Amino acid sequence: MNELSSAEEIKKLTAPIIEKGFSFEYFYEKGGDSSCVYICRFRKGRDFWDWREVSGGNEINIVAYVNSGYVFPSLKYLYKKEHRAFWLKHLFKKATVAERRAFVADLLLNELQKPDFFGIKLG
């Protein structure tokens, strides 16, 4: 997996979020088990949210830091209907990394329609 291209792809998919006043940062953390977590951080003031992707792209997590505390929003439970449809679509053919990224980005763009983004004020 090319690190820079994945960060650029995520940045491109989340461009409407960046347009709402978030800045974009990219870095990674090495795990003790030789895994690597690639982090795309979207910061607005002191608050931020992270798109965390384990090397290989099989696991994508969203973590938000709001009002001096971490929040772990579950897109699976916020968008049950969409998750079920995606799961059924890929029941017999595994989703590619690009398809998973696009799916998560679409859910995040849905979340952008709310007055706050995981607790981060948009206005």
PDB file of N, CA and C in Angstrom:
ATOM      1  N   MET A   1       0.845  -1.180   0.000  1.00  0.00           N
ATOM      2  CA  MET A   1       0.000   0.000   0.000  1.00  0.00           C
ATOM      3  C   MET A   1       0.884   1.233   0.000  1.00  0.00           C
ATOM      4  N   ASN A   2       0.637   2.113  -0.914  1.00  0.00           N
ATOM      5  CA  ASN A   2       1.381   3.353  -0.979  1.00  0.00           C
ATOM      6  C   ASN A   2       0.753   4.341  -0.008  1.00  0.00           C
ATOM      7  N   GLU A   3       1.510   4.721   1.032  1.00  0.00           N
ATOM      8  CA  GLU A   3       0.992   5.575   2.100  1.00  0.00           C
ATOM      9  C   GLU A   3       0.470   6.905   1.580  1.00  0.00           C
ATOM     10  N   LEU A   4       1.278   7.574   0.756  1.00  0.00           N
ATOM     11  CA  LEU A   4       0.913   8.899   0.295  1.00  0.00           C
ATOM     12  C   LEU A   4      -0.329   8.859  -0.575  1.00  0.00           C
ATOM     13  N   SER A   5      -0.434   7.873  -1.449  1.00  0.00           N
ATOM     14  CA  SER A   5      -1.602   7.816  -2.318  1.00  0.00           C
ATOM     15  C   SER A   5      -2.867   7.537  -1.510  1.00  0.00           C
ATOM     16  N   SER A   6      -2.770   6.745  -0.442  1.00  0.00           N
ATOM     17  CA  SER A   6      -3.950   6.487   0.382  1.00  0.00           C
ATOM     18  C   SER A   6      -4.376   7.761   1.096  1.00  0.00           C
ATOM     19  N   ALA A   7      -3.421   8.540   1.588  1.00  0.00           N
ATOM     20  CA  ALA A   7      -3.753   9.808   2.244  1.00  0.00           C
ATOM     21  C   ALA A   7      -4.383  10.774   1.250  1.00  0.00           C
ATOM     22  N   GLU A   8      -3.847  10.824   0.050  1.00  0.00           N
ATOM     23  CA  GLU A   8      -4.401  11.700  -0.982  1.00  0.00           C
ATOM     24  C   GLU A   8      -5.807  11.253  -1.382  1.00  0.00           C
ATOM     25  N   GLU A   9      -6.021   9.943  -1.453  1.00  0.00           N
ATOM     26  CA  GLU A   9      -7.344   9.424  -1.786  1.00  0.00           C
ATOM     27  C   GLU A   9      -8.357   9.788  -0.708  1.00  0.00           C
ATOM     28  N   ILE A  10      -7.984   9.628   0.554  1.00  0.00           N
ATOM     29  CA  ILE A  10      -8.870   9.967   1.669  1.00  0.00           C
ATOM     30  C   ILE A  10      -9.149  11.466   1.672  1.00  0.00           C
ATOM     31  N   LYS A  11      -8.117  12.271   1.424  1.00  0.00           N
ATOM     32  CA  LYS A  11      -8.295  13.723   1.380  1.00  0.00           C
ATOM     33  C   LYS A  11      -9.257  14.118   0.261  1.00  0.00           C
ATOM     34  N   LYS A  12      -9.145  13.457  -0.866  1.00  0.00           N
ATOM     35  CA  LYS A  12     -10.033  13.732  -2.002  1.00  0.00           C
ATOM     36  C   LYS A  12     -11.474  13.336  -1.675  1.00  0.00           C
ATOM     37  N   LEU A  13     -11.655  12.169  -1.038  1.00  0.00           N
ATOM     38  CA  LEU A  13     -12.996  11.692  -0.688  1.00  0.00           C
ATOM     39  C   LEU A  13     -13.674  12.580   0.354  1.00  0.00           C
ATOM     40  N   THR A  14     -12.889  13.203   1.205  1.00  0.00           N
ATOM     41  CA  THR A  14     -13.434  14.019   2.296  1.00  0.00           C
ATOM     42  C   THR A  14     -13.298  15.518   2.026  1.00  0.00           C
ATOM     43  N   ALA A  15     -13.130  15.905   0.777  1.00  0.00           N
ATOM     44  CA  ALA A  15     -12.955  17.317   0.420  1.00  0.00           C
ATOM     45  C   ALA A  15     -14.085  18.215   0.943  1.00  0.00           C
ATOM     46  N   PRO A  16     -15.369  17.796   0.898  1.00  0.00           N
ATOM     47  CA  PRO A  16     -16.421  18.667   1.447  1.00  0.00           C
ATOM     48  C   PRO A  16     -16.259  18.942   2.945  1.00  0.00           C
ATOM     49  N   ILE A  17     -15.657  18.013   3.662  1.00  0.00           N
ATOM     50  CA  ILE A  17     -15.427  18.216   5.093  1.00  0.00           C
ATOM     51  C   ILE A  17     -14.320  19.262   5.290  1.00  0.00           C
ATOM     52  N   ILE A  18     -13.299  19.179   4.475  1.00  0.00           N
ATOM     53  CA  ILE A  18     -12.207  20.158   4.550  1.00  0.00           C
ATOM     54  C   ILE A  18     -12.731  21.553   4.215  1.00  0.00           C
ATOM     55  N   GLU A  19     -13.682  21.624   3.289  1.00  0.00           N
ATOM     56  CA  GLU A  19     -14.277  22.910   2.916  1.00  0.00           C
ATOM     57  C   GLU A  19     -15.068  23.536   4.060  1.00  0.00           C
ATOM     58  N   LYS A  20     -15.459  22.742   5.055  1.00  0.00           N
ATOM     59  CA  LYS A  20     -16.194  23.247   6.214  1.00  0.00           C
ATOM     60  C   LYS A  20     -15.266  23.852   7.264  1.00  0.00           C
ATOM     61  N   GLY A  21     -13.985  23.972   6.945  1.00  0.00           N
ATOM     62  CA  GLY A  21     -13.054  24.648   7.848  1.00  0.00           C
ATOM     63  C   GLY A  21     -12.101  23.732   8.599  1.00  0.00           C
ATOM     64  N   PHE A  22     -12.055  22.468   8.245  1.00  0.00           N
ATOM     65  CA  PHE A  22     -11.126  21.546   8.887  1.00  0.00           C
ATOM     66  C   PHE A  22      -9.786  21.578   8.169  1.00  0.00           C
ATOM     67  N   SER A  23      -8.706  21.504   8.929  1.00  0.00           N
ATOM     68  CA  SER A  23      -7.383  21.358   8.322  1.00  0.00           C
ATOM     69  C   SER A  23      -7.049  19.870   8.273  1.00  0.00           C
ATOM     70  N   PHE A  24      -6.150  19.488   7.388  1.00  0.00           N
ATOM     71  CA  PHE A  24      -5.823  18.085   7.152  1.00  0.00           C
ATOM     72  C   PHE A  24      -4.385  17.814   7.543  1.00  0.00           C
ATOM     73  N   GLU A  25      -4.174  16.765   8.328  1.00  0.00           N
ATOM     74  CA  GLU A  25      -2.830  16.315   8.696  1.00  0.00           C
ATOM     75  C   GLU A  25      -2.759  14.821   8.437  1.00  0.00           C
ATOM     76  N   TYR A  26      -1.560  14.334   8.126  1.00  0.00           N
ATOM     77  CA  TYR A  26      -1.374  12.908   7.880  1.00  0.00           C
ATOM     78  C   TYR A  26      -0.120  12.426   8.604  1.00  0.00           C
ATOM     79  N   PHE A  27      -0.248  11.314   9.332  1.00  0.00           N
ATOM     80  CA  PHE A  27       0.906  10.692   9.981  1.00  0.00           C
ATOM     81  C   PHE A  27       0.562   9.238  10.267  1.00  0.00           C
ATOM     82  N   TYR A  28       1.488   8.526  10.866  1.00  0.00           N
ATOM     83  CA  TYR A  28       1.226   7.124  11.195  1.00  0.00           C
ATOM     84  C   TYR A  28       1.858   6.781  12.532  1.00  0.00           C
ATOM     85  N   GLU A  29       1.347   5.700  13.131  1.00  0.00           N
ATOM     86  CA  GLU A  29       1.882   5.188  14.382  1.00  0.00           C
ATOM     87  C   GLU A  29       2.197   3.713  14.202  1.00  0.00           C
ATOM     88  N   LYS A  30       3.347   3.305  14.701  1.00  0.00           N
ATOM     89  CA  LYS A  30       3.735   1.894  14.648  1.00  0.00           C
ATOM     90  C   LYS A  30       3.186   1.190  15.871  1.00  0.00           C
ATOM     91  N   GLY A  31       2.625  -0.002  15.662  1.00  0.00           N
ATOM     92  CA  GLY A  31       2.131  -0.808  16.771  1.00  0.00           C
ATOM     93  C   GLY A  31       3.199  -1.771  17.255  1.00  0.00           C
ATOM     94  N   GLY A  32       2.999  -2.342  18.414  1.00  0.00           N
ATOM     95  CA  GLY A  32       3.947  -3.292  18.976  1.00  0.00           C
ATOM     96  C   GLY A  32       3.979  -4.607  18.229  1.00  0.00           C
ATOM     97  N   ASP A  33       2.927  -4.883  17.474  1.00  0.00           N
ATOM     98  CA  ASP A  33       2.853  -6.146  16.739  1.00  0.00           C
ATOM     99  C   ASP A  33       3.260  -5.971  15.278  1.00  0.00           C
ATOM    100  N   SER A  34       4.078  -4.991  14.989  1.00  0.00           N
ATOM    101  CA  SER A  34       4.600  -4.645  13.664  1.00  0.00           C
ATOM    102  C   SER A  34       3.510  -4.168  12.705  1.00  0.00           C
ATOM    103  N   SER A  35       2.336  -3.854  13.225  1.00  0.00           N
ATOM    104  CA  SER A  35       1.314  -3.249  12.371  1.00  0.00           C
ATOM    105  C   SER A  35       1.537  -1.742  12.360  1.00  0.00           C
ATOM    106  N   CYS A  36       0.891  -1.094  11.449  1.00  0.00           N
ATOM    107  CA  CYS A  36       1.023   0.342  11.317  1.00  0.00           C
ATOM    108  C   CYS A  36      -0.378   0.931  11.168  1.00  0.00           C
ATOM    109  N   VAL A  37      -0.653   2.020  11.852  1.00  0.00           N
ATOM    110  CA  VAL A  37      -1.940   2.690  11.746  1.00  0.00           C
ATOM    111  C   VAL A  37      -1.702   4.029  11.067  1.00  0.00           C
ATOM    112  N   TYR A  38      -2.326   4.205   9.914  1.00  0.00           N
ATOM    113  CA  TYR A  38      -2.217   5.453   9.171  1.00  0.00           C
ATOM    114  C   TYR A  38      -3.344   6.362   9.637  1.00  0.00           C
ATOM    115  N   ILE A  39      -3.012   7.596   9.988  1.00  0.00           N
ATOM    116  CA  ILE A  39      -3.986   8.503  10.573  1.00  0.00           C
ATOM    117  C   ILE A  39      -4.109   9.759   9.717  1.00  0.00           C
ATOM    118  N   CYS A  40      -5.328  10.037   9.295  1.00  0.00           N
ATOM    119  CA  CYS A  40      -5.652  11.296   8.634  1.00  0.00           C
ATOM    120  C   CYS A  40      -6.439  12.099   9.657  1.00  0.00           C
ATOM    121  N   ARG A  41      -5.871  13.199  10.099  1.00  0.00           N
ATOM    122  CA  ARG A  41      -6.493  14.004  11.151  1.00  0.00           C
ATOM    123  C   ARG A  41      -7.095  15.264  10.526  1.00  0.00           C
ATOM    124  N   PHE A  42      -8.334  15.527  10.904  1.00  0.00           N
ATOM    125  CA  PHE A  42      -9.057  16.700  10.452  1.00  0.00           C
ATOM    126  C   PHE A  42      -9.289  17.571  11.682  1.00  0.00           C
ATOM    127  N   ARG A  43      -8.621  18.719  11.733  1.00  0.00           N
ATOM    128  CA  ARG A  43      -8.610  19.553  12.932  1.00  0.00           C
ATOM    129  C   ARG A  43      -9.396  20.838  12.684  1.00  0.00           C
ATOM    130  N   LYS A  44     -10.164  21.209  13.704  1.00  0.00           N
ATOM    131  CA  LYS A  44     -10.869  22.494  13.689  1.00  0.00           C
ATOM    132  C   LYS A  44     -10.746  23.072  15.094  1.00  0.00           C
ATOM    133  N   GLY A  45      -9.876  24.066  15.242  1.00  0.00           N
ATOM    134  CA  GLY A  45      -9.599  24.618  16.566  1.00  0.00           C
ATOM    135  C   GLY A  45      -8.876  23.585  17.411  1.00  0.00           C
ATOM    136  N   ARG A  46      -9.346  23.388  18.637  1.00  0.00           N
ATOM    137  CA  ARG A  46      -8.743  22.383  19.518  1.00  0.00           C
ATOM    138  C   ARG A  46      -9.326  20.997  19.297  1.00  0.00           C
ATOM    139  N   ASP A  47     -10.469  20.935  18.636  1.00  0.00           N
ATOM    140  CA  ASP A  47     -11.129  19.655  18.396  1.00  0.00           C
ATOM    141  C   ASP A  47     -10.657  19.055  17.073  1.00  0.00           C
ATOM    142  N   PHE A  48     -10.702  17.738  17.000  1.00  0.00           N
ATOM    143  CA  PHE A  48     -10.342  17.063  15.757  1.00  0.00           C
ATOM    144  C   PHE A  48     -11.027  15.710  15.697  1.00  0.00           C
ATOM    145  N   TRP A  49     -11.007  15.132  14.521  1.00  0.00           N
ATOM    146  CA  TRP A  49     -11.428  13.744  14.359  1.00  0.00           C
ATOM    147  C   TRP A  49     -10.421  13.057  13.451  1.00  0.00           C
ATOM    148  N   ASP A  50     -10.237  11.766  13.679  1.00  0.00           N
ATOM    149  CA  ASP A  50      -9.251  10.976  12.941  1.00  0.00           C
ATOM    150  C   ASP A  50      -9.923   9.900  12.109  1.00  0.00           C
ATOM    151  N   TRP A  51      -9.376   9.698  10.937  1.00  0.00           N
ATOM    152  CA  TRP A  51      -9.685   8.548  10.095  1.00  0.00           C
ATOM    153  C   TRP A  51      -8.483   7.634  10.294  1.00  0.00           C
ATOM    154  N   ARG A  52      -8.650   6.546  11.020  1.00  0.00           N
ATOM    155  CA  ARG A  52      -7.542   5.639  11.323  1.00  0.00           C
ATOM    156  C   ARG A  52      -7.713   4.356  10.524  1.00  0.00           C
ATOM    157  N   GLU A  53      -6.675   4.025   9.798  1.00  0.00           N
ATOM    158  CA  GLU A  53      -6.720   2.859   8.920  1.00  0.00           C
ATOM    159  C   GLU A  53      -5.527   1.960   9.233  1.00  0.00           C
ATOM    160  N   VAL A  54      -5.814   0.728   9.582  1.00  0.00           N
ATOM    161  CA  VAL A  54      -4.759  -0.241   9.860  1.00  0.00           C
ATOM    162  C   VAL A  54      -4.114  -0.627   8.541  1.00  0.00           C
ATOM    163  N   SER A  55      -2.793  -0.858   8.553  1.00  0.00           N
ATOM    164  CA  SER A  55      -2.091  -1.200   7.324  1.00  0.00           C
ATOM    165  C   SER A  55      -2.811  -2.346   6.625  1.00  0.00           C
ATOM    166  N   GLY A  56      -2.972  -2.190   5.329  1.00  0.00           N
ATOM    167  CA  GLY A  56      -3.712  -3.163   4.545  1.00  0.00           C
ATOM    168  C   GLY A  56      -5.116  -2.681   4.220  1.00  0.00           C
ATOM    169  N   GLY A  57      -5.609  -1.725   4.963  1.00  0.00           N
ATOM    170  CA  GLY A  57      -6.913  -1.133   4.680  1.00  0.00           C
ATOM    171  C   GLY A  57      -8.106  -1.974   5.071  1.00  0.00           C
ATOM    172  N   ASN A  58      -7.887  -3.057   5.820  1.00  0.00           N
ATOM    173  CA  ASN A  58      -9.009  -3.921   6.194  1.00  0.00           C
ATOM    174  C   ASN A  58      -9.838  -3.359   7.335  1.00  0.00           C
ATOM    175  N   GLU A  59      -9.288  -2.434   8.092  1.00  0.00           N
ATOM    176  CA  GLU A  59     -10.006  -1.874   9.233  1.00  0.00           C
ATOM    177  C   GLU A  59      -9.892  -0.352   9.213  1.00  0.00           C
ATOM    178  N   ILE A  60     -11.050   0.313   9.221  1.00  0.00           N
ATOM    179  CA  ILE A  60     -11.105   1.767   9.250  1.00  0.00           C
ATOM    180  C   ILE A  60     -11.894   2.168  10.488  1.00  0.00           C
ATOM    181  N   ASN A  61     -11.324   3.053  11.290  1.00  0.00           N
ATOM    182  CA  ASN A  61     -11.986   3.526  12.502  1.00  0.00           C
ATOM    183  C   ASN A  61     -12.034   5.044  12.498  1.00  0.00           C
ATOM    184  N   ILE A  62     -13.090   5.575  13.101  1.00  0.00           N
ATOM    185  CA  ILE A  62     -13.242   7.009  13.258  1.00  0.00           C
ATOM    186  C   ILE A  62     -13.150   7.311  14.755  1.00  0.00           C
ATOM    187  N   VAL A  63     -12.304   8.274  15.097  1.00  0.00           N
ATOM    188  CA  VAL A  63     -12.120   8.692  16.485  1.00  0.00           C
ATOM    189  C   VAL A  63     -12.204  10.213  16.514  1.00  0.00           C
ATOM    190  N   ALA A  64     -12.977  10.755  17.451  1.00  0.00           N
ATOM    191  CA  ALA A  64     -13.100  12.206  17.576  1.00  0.00           C
ATOM    192  C   ALA A  64     -12.586  12.652  18.945  1.00  0.00           C
ATOM    193  N   TYR A  65     -11.978  13.818  18.977  1.00  0.00           N
ATOM    194  CA  TYR A  65     -11.522  14.433  20.224  1.00  0.00           C
ATOM    195  C   TYR A  65     -12.265  15.752  20.356  1.00  0.00           C
ATOM    196  N   VAL A  66     -13.239  15.772  21.274  1.00  0.00           N
ATOM    197  CA  VAL A  66     -14.120  16.922  21.420  1.00  0.00           C
ATOM    198  C   VAL A  66     -14.184  17.314  22.894  1.00  0.00           C
ATOM    199  N   ASN A  67     -14.053  18.598  23.169  1.00  0.00           N
ATOM    200  CA  ASN A  67     -14.144  19.118  24.542  1.00  0.00           C
ATOM    201  C   ASN A  67     -13.238  18.350  25.504  1.00  0.00           C
ATOM    202  N   SER A  68     -12.007  18.156  25.120  1.00  0.00           N
ATOM    203  CA  SER A  68     -10.980  17.498  25.943  1.00  0.00           C
ATOM    204  C   SER A  68     -11.282  16.045  26.269  1.00  0.00           C
ATOM    205  N   GLY A  69     -12.017  15.369  25.407  1.00  0.00           N
ATOM    206  CA  GLY A  69     -12.302  13.954  25.616  1.00  0.00           C
ATOM    207  C   GLY A  69     -12.468  13.223  24.292  1.00  0.00           C
ATOM    208  N   TYR A  70     -12.117  11.958  24.296  1.00  0.00           N
ATOM    209  CA  TYR A  70     -12.247  11.146  23.089  1.00  0.00           C
ATOM    210  C   TYR A  70     -13.647  10.572  22.972  1.00  0.00           C
ATOM    211  N   VAL A  71     -14.155  10.541  21.735  1.00  0.00           N
ATOM    212  CA  VAL A  71     -15.440   9.958  21.406  1.00  0.00           C
ATOM    213  C   VAL A  71     -15.177   8.944  20.300  1.00  0.00           C
ATOM    214  N   PHE A  72     -15.802   7.780  20.401  1.00  0.00           N
ATOM    215  CA  PHE A  72     -15.616   6.730  19.399  1.00  0.00           C
ATOM    216  C   PHE A  72     -16.950   6.459  18.705  1.00  0.00           C
ATOM    217  N   PRO A  73     -17.313   7.315  17.732  1.00  0.00           N
ATOM    218  CA  PRO A  73     -18.602   7.129  17.073  1.00  0.00           C
ATOM    219  C   PRO A  73     -18.604   5.865  16.217  1.00  0.00           C
ATOM    220  N   SER A  74     -19.682   5.126  16.285  1.00  0.00           N
ATOM    221  CA  SER A  74     -19.803   3.910  15.491  1.00  0.00           C
ATOM    222  C   SER A  74     -20.695   4.185  14.287  1.00  0.00           C
ATOM    223  N   LEU A  75     -20.069   4.271  13.118  1.00  0.00           N
ATOM    224  CA  LEU A  75     -20.849   4.490  11.901  1.00  0.00           C
ATOM    225  C   LEU A  75     -21.763   3.308  11.632  1.00  0.00           C
ATOM    226  N   LYS A  76     -21.361   2.139  12.094  1.00  0.00           N
ATOM    227  CA  LYS A  76     -22.179   0.935  11.899  1.00  0.00           C
ATOM    228  C   LYS A  76     -23.533   1.074  12.594  1.00  0.00           C
ATOM    229  N   TYR A  77     -23.546   1.652  13.784  1.00  0.00           N
ATOM    230  CA  TYR A  77     -24.803   1.797  14.515  1.00  0.00           C
ATOM    231  C   TYR A  77     -25.546   3.079  14.148  1.00  0.00           C
ATOM    232  N   LEU A  78     -24.830   4.112  13.712  1.00  0.00           N
ATOM    233  CA  LEU A  78     -25.490   5.337  13.276  1.00  0.00           C
ATOM    234  C   LEU A  78     -26.188   5.149  11.929  1.00  0.00           C
ATOM    235  N   TYR A  79     -25.632   4.275  11.094  1.00  0.00           N
ATOM    236  CA  TYR A  79     -26.163   4.046   9.741  1.00  0.00           C
ATOM    237  C   TYR A  79     -26.354   2.549   9.519  1.00  0.00           C
ATOM    238  N   LYS A  80     -27.238   1.955  10.289  1.00  0.00           N
ATOM    239  CA  LYS A  80     -27.470   0.502  10.235  1.00  0.00           C
ATOM    240  C   LYS A  80     -27.942   0.048   8.857  1.00  0.00           C
ATOM    241  N   LYS A  81     -28.873   0.782   8.287  1.00  0.00           N
ATOM    242  CA  LYS A  81     -29.451   0.409   6.996  1.00  0.00           C
ATOM    243  C   LYS A  81     -28.382   0.394   5.893  1.00  0.00           C
ATOM    244  N   GLU A  82     -27.563   1.422   5.869  1.00  0.00           N
ATOM    245  CA  GLU A  82     -26.507   1.523   4.855  1.00  0.00           C
ATOM    246  C   GLU A  82     -25.457   0.425   5.040  1.00  0.00           C
ATOM    247  N   HIS A  83     -25.120   0.142   6.303  1.00  0.00           N
ATOM    248  CA  HIS A  83     -24.135  -0.911   6.571  1.00  0.00           C
ATOM    249  C   HIS A  83     -24.649  -2.272   6.129  1.00  0.00           C
ATOM    250  N   ARG A  84     -25.911  -2.533   6.390  1.00  0.00           N
ATOM    251  CA  ARG A  84     -26.501  -3.813   5.989  1.00  0.00           C
ATOM    252  C   ARG A  84     -26.483  -3.956   4.467  1.00  0.00           C
ATOM    253  N   ALA A  85     -26.849  -2.898   3.767  1.00  0.00           N
ATOM    254  CA  ALA A  85     -26.849  -2.933   2.300  1.00  0.00           C
ATOM    255  C   ALA A  85     -25.440  -3.169   1.764  1.00  0.00           C
ATOM    256  N   PHE A  86     -24.443  -2.506   2.346  1.00  0.00           N
ATOM    257  CA  PHE A  86     -23.053  -2.682   1.906  1.00  0.00           C
ATOM    258  C   PHE A  86     -22.579  -4.105   2.193  1.00  0.00           C
ATOM    259  N   TRP A  87     -22.925  -4.615   3.373  1.00  0.00           N
ATOM    260  CA  TRP A  87     -22.539  -5.969   3.750  1.00  0.00           C
ATOM    261  C   TRP A  87     -23.164  -6.995   2.798  1.00  0.00           C
ATOM    262  N   LEU A  88     -24.442  -6.838   2.482  1.00  0.00           N
ATOM    263  CA  LEU A  88     -25.118  -7.774   1.573  1.00  0.00           C
ATOM    264  C   LEU A  88     -24.535  -7.703   0.161  1.00  0.00           C
ATOM    265  N   LYS A  89     -24.198  -6.497  -0.268  1.00  0.00           N
ATOM    266  CA  LYS A  89     -23.616  -6.317  -1.599  1.00  0.00           C
ATOM    267  C   LYS A  89     -22.282  -7.061  -1.721  1.00  0.00           C
ATOM    268  N   HIS A  90     -21.542  -7.105  -0.612  1.00  0.00           N
ATOM    269  CA  HIS A  90     -20.211  -7.715  -0.626  1.00  0.00           C
ATOM    270  C   HIS A  90     -20.173  -9.040   0.122  1.00  0.00           C
ATOM    271  N   LEU A  91     -21.294  -9.711   0.147  1.00  0.00           N
ATOM    272  CA  LEU A  91     -21.380 -10.989   0.847  1.00  0.00           C
ATOM    273  C   LEU A  91     -20.501 -12.051   0.190  1.00  0.00           C
ATOM    274  N   PHE A  92     -20.532 -12.113  -1.135  1.00  0.00           N
ATOM    275  CA  PHE A  92     -19.775 -13.140  -1.848  1.00  0.00           C
ATOM    276  C   PHE A  92     -18.510 -12.615  -2.506  1.00  0.00           C
ATOM    277  N   LYS A  93     -18.388 -11.327  -2.602  1.00  0.00           N
ATOM    278  CA  LYS A  93     -17.188 -10.729  -3.187  1.00  0.00           C
ATOM    279  C   LYS A  93     -16.701  -9.641  -2.242  1.00  0.00           C
ATOM    280  N   LYS A  94     -15.535  -9.849  -1.664  1.00  0.00           N
ATOM    281  CA  LYS A  94     -14.983  -8.931  -0.667  1.00  0.00           C
ATOM    282  C   LYS A  94     -14.795  -7.534  -1.259  1.00  0.00           C
ATOM    283  N   ALA A  95     -15.149  -6.540  -0.471  1.00  0.00           N
ATOM    284  CA  ALA A  95     -14.990  -5.147  -0.899  1.00  0.00           C
ATOM    285  C   ALA A  95     -13.513  -4.785  -0.973  1.00  0.00           C
ATOM    286  N   THR A  96     -13.172  -4.008  -1.968  1.00  0.00           N
ATOM    287  CA  THR A  96     -11.797  -3.543  -2.089  1.00  0.00           C
ATOM    288  C   THR A  96     -11.561  -2.417  -1.091  1.00  0.00           C
ATOM    289  N   VAL A  97     -10.310  -2.065  -0.900  1.00  0.00           N
ATOM    290  CA  VAL A  97      -9.964  -0.974   0.010  1.00  0.00           C
ATOM    291  C   VAL A  97     -10.609   0.323  -0.477  1.00  0.00           C
ATOM    292  N   ALA A  98     -10.563   0.555  -1.787  1.00  0.00           N
ATOM    293  CA  ALA A  98     -11.153   1.775  -2.351  1.00  0.00           C
ATOM    294  C   ALA A  98     -12.665   1.809  -2.117  1.00  0.00           C
ATOM    295  N   GLU A  99     -13.341   0.676  -2.236  1.00  0.00           N
ATOM    296  CA  GLU A  99     -14.785   0.617  -2.000  1.00  0.00           C
ATOM    297  C   GLU A  99     -15.103   0.884  -0.529  1.00  0.00           C
ATOM    298  N   ARG A 100     -14.296   0.327   0.371  1.00  0.00           N
ATOM    299  CA  ARG A 100     -14.516   0.577   1.803  1.00  0.00           C
ATOM    300  C   ARG A 100     -14.287   2.051   2.147  1.00  0.00           C
ATOM    301  N   ARG A 101     -13.245   2.625   1.575  1.00  0.00           N
ATOM    302  CA  ARG A 101     -12.973   4.046   1.823  1.00  0.00           C
ATOM    303  C   ARG A 101     -14.113   4.920   1.309  1.00  0.00           C
ATOM    304  N   ALA A 102     -14.587   4.630   0.105  1.00  0.00           N
ATOM    305  CA  ALA A 102     -15.682   5.409  -0.480  1.00  0.00           C
ATOM    306  C   ALA A 102     -16.949   5.274   0.364  1.00  0.00           C
ATOM    307  N   PHE A 103     -17.222   4.085   0.878  1.00  0.00           N
ATOM    308  CA  PHE A 103     -18.395   3.852   1.708  1.00  0.00           C
ATOM    309  C   PHE A 103     -18.310   4.666   3.010  1.00  0.00           C
ATOM    310  N   VAL A 104     -17.175   4.610   3.675  1.00  0.00           N
ATOM    311  CA  VAL A 104     -16.991   5.364   4.925  1.00  0.00           C
ATOM    312  C   VAL A 104     -17.084   6.863   4.642  1.00  0.00           C
ATOM    313  N   ALA A 105     -16.494   7.310   3.551  1.00  0.00           N
ATOM    314  CA  ALA A 105     -16.552   8.734   3.198  1.00  0.00           C
ATOM    315  C   ALA A 105     -17.995   9.172   2.959  1.00  0.00           C
ATOM    316  N   ASP A 106     -18.790   8.350   2.295  1.00  0.00           N
ATOM    317  CA  ASP A 106     -20.206   8.682   2.078  1.00  0.00           C
ATOM    318  C   ASP A 106     -20.951   8.814   3.405  1.00  0.00           C
ATOM    319  N   LEU A 107     -20.684   7.924   4.337  1.00  0.00           N
ATOM    320  CA  LEU A 107     -21.330   8.014   5.647  1.00  0.00           C
ATOM    321  C   LEU A 107     -20.905   9.286   6.382  1.00  0.00           C
ATOM    322  N   LEU A 108     -19.638   9.645   6.260  1.00  0.00           N
ATOM    323  CA  LEU A 108     -19.151  10.866   6.904  1.00  0.00           C
ATOM    324  C   LEU A 108     -19.784  12.111   6.277  1.00  0.00           C
ATOM    325  N   LEU A 109     -20.002  12.069   4.975  1.00  0.00           N
ATOM    326  CA  LEU A 109     -20.648  13.200   4.311  1.00  0.00           C
ATOM    327  C   LEU A 109     -22.108  13.307   4.744  1.00  0.00           C
ATOM    328  N   ASN A 110     -22.759  12.175   5.026  1.00  0.00           N
ATOM    329  CA  ASN A 110     -24.112  12.211   5.594  1.00  0.00           C
ATOM    330  C   ASN A 110     -24.086  12.865   6.969  1.00  0.00           C
ATOM    331  N   GLU A 111     -23.084  12.556   7.737  1.00  0.00           N
ATOM    332  CA  GLU A 111     -22.937  13.123   9.083  1.00  0.00           C
ATOM    333  C   GLU A 111     -22.698  14.634   9.009  1.00  0.00           C
ATOM    334  N   LEU A 112     -22.137  15.082   7.908  1.00  0.00           N
ATOM    335  CA  LEU A 112     -21.842  16.499   7.711  1.00  0.00           C
ATOM    336  C   LEU A 112     -23.117  17.332   7.601  1.00  0.00           C
ATOM    337  N   GLN A 113     -24.256  16.711   7.298  1.00  0.00           N
ATOM    338  CA  GLN A 113     -25.524  17.421   7.166  1.00  0.00           C
ATOM    339  C   GLN A 113     -26.114  17.823   8.519  1.00  0.00           C
ATOM    340  N   LYS A 114     -25.576  17.291   9.596  1.00  0.00           N
ATOM    341  CA  LYS A 114     -26.057  17.599  10.944  1.00  0.00           C
ATOM    342  C   LYS A 114     -25.400  18.894  11.438  1.00  0.00           C
ATOM    343  N   PRO A 115     -25.979  19.544  12.470  1.00  0.00           N
ATOM    344  CA  PRO A 115     -25.413  20.821  12.949  1.00  0.00           C
ATOM    345  C   PRO A 115     -24.012  20.693  13.556  1.00  0.00           C
ATOM    346  N   ASP A 116     -23.689  19.513  14.057  1.00  0.00           N
ATOM    347  CA  ASP A 116     -22.326  19.307  14.546  1.00  0.00           C
ATOM    348  C   ASP A 116     -21.815  17.974  14.022  1.00  0.00           C
ATOM    349  N   PHE A 117     -20.513  17.895  13.903  1.00  0.00           N
ATOM    350  CA  PHE A 117     -19.872  16.718  13.322  1.00  0.00           C
ATOM    351  C   PHE A 117     -19.218  15.946  14.457  1.00  0.00           C
ATOM    352  N   PHE A 118     -19.920  14.938  14.975  1.00  0.00           N
ATOM    353  CA  PHE A 118     -19.471  14.151  16.134  1.00  0.00           C
ATOM    354  C   PHE A 118     -19.165  15.041  17.331  1.00  0.00           C
ATOM    355  N   GLY A 119     -19.922  16.117  17.484  1.00  0.00           N
ATOM    356  CA  GLY A 119     -19.737  17.029  18.601  1.00  0.00           C
ATOM    357  C   GLY A 119     -18.932  18.277  18.261  1.00  0.00           C
ATOM    358  N   ILE A 120     -18.315  18.315  17.098  1.00  0.00           N
ATOM    359  CA  ILE A 120     -17.533  19.480  16.671  1.00  0.00           C
ATOM    360  C   ILE A 120     -18.480  20.443  15.936  1.00  0.00           C
ATOM    361  N   LYS A 121     -18.589  21.657  16.429  1.00  0.00           N
ATOM    362  CA  LYS A 121     -19.488  22.651  15.834  1.00  0.00           C
ATOM    363  C   LYS A 121     -19.001  23.016  14.431  1.00  0.00           C
ATOM    364  N   LEU A 122     -19.930  23.007  13.486  1.00  0.00           N
ATOM    365  CA  LEU A 122     -19.583  23.320  12.102  1.00  0.00           C
ATOM    366  C   LEU A 122     -19.749  24.806  11.770  1.00  0.00           C
ATOM    367  N   GLY A 123     -20.602  25.491  12.464  1.00  0.00           N
ATOM    368  CA  GLY A 123     -20.912  26.881  12.154  1.00  0.00           C
ATOM    369  C   GLY A 123     -19.961  27.889  12.653  1.00  0.00           C
TER     370      GLY A 123
END
